[in-house]
């Protein structure tokens, strides 16, 4: 998968097979004829990418593909690296899943007829740039004149310019072209994310010690026992909040309103962050190192329906964001700064804080994924907070029926149980 964590995949056809199929170059005359650009349909036909079924604008490397798959093929088709699939070698590819399996994606590119010998080398790129500069007075289709461009493309931009000024020739690049690539993360956001990640690890992921380690290692027998384990996390959450600048400047009353109003949703997102999708277990640390909690233990303490809904959400969230820890962490903080909490007075400040971290999430995703992919994925990630709210409501209903004699005073206050 793409993202912060990478996976290995089942092998594609052997290198020798790929070379036999894709590196045999036709004669010069045949190649020129073969590379004749195919025009975009003018009858309003909607084109679909042959790789992932996303919207396509035209032919790229002699096959109809979207801009994302065009860029993917250009970057990877000529590499010696062997992309593999860790599933069955026939992953279903769509606009969302295409980034998860490079092996199946590249194999599909070749299977629909994309030609890697159409990828331009540096000499060919230089000649093409020179030709473009010498023809500035003639109409031409939109092209990407950046040094990193290395493809023959038959895509015509709807924003095509027929007579650019000479001064614009060095920057012939459309918005669509820019969106094919990730863009650098601003330094101030990068520094902020690094500090936030360090703070989260230091406070919320710190090893449990002494009686806390003994308590968390005790298997809960029912929902009351499960909620009884939350006091340690609540204390850490308060400490974490007080380190965040936007939280610190709030009045004590508003700090309490944010924490009490969103505690159940925060539990849900904390659970997602502590979940190891590969092992299908929750993880934590104690003095002896990393420990795991078997899902069966959690399932036995909850109703079947509630556990099923929770684990389904956790798995789907991990799949959507490719288990990217920073995305999960930002969702955690975005949910924390929700301005709709009961009794909250400084709603405007909390709303601005939420917007700040939402923009950080957007900028981070655009630095990890091609911008056009991030634009599609970002709202999907935020929509997951709707599921978080629903699960939080279910948790609140469950908390209303726990045995309060097992809960510490802090928990009774946070859960509004007297």
Foldseek 3Di string as FASTA:
>chain_A
DFDPDADAAAWDPDPVVLCVQAVDDDDPVVVVVVLPFDAFDPPPDFDAAQQARHTFQGDWQRATHHLQLSLLCLVPVPDPDTGHRHPDLQDRHHLQCLVRGSNNRNVSCVVRPRHNVQFADQVRLVVVLVVCLVPLQAFDFQDANDSPGTGSGNGGDPPGDGHDDSVCSNGRDDPSRQLNAFDDFDPVLVVVLVVLVVLCCVQQQDADEDPLNVLVPDQDQAQQSVLQNCPSNLVSVLVSQCVDPLSVPDDPQQNLLLCLQQVLLLVLLVQLLQADLVVRWGWGHHPVGIDTDHLVSVPNHDDVVLSVLSSVLSNVLCSLNVSHNSLSSLLSVLSSLQLPGPPRDPSVSSVVVSVVSLVSNLSVLSNRGRNVSSVVSSVVNVCSVVSSVVSSVVSLVVVQPHDCVSHDPVSCSSSVHD
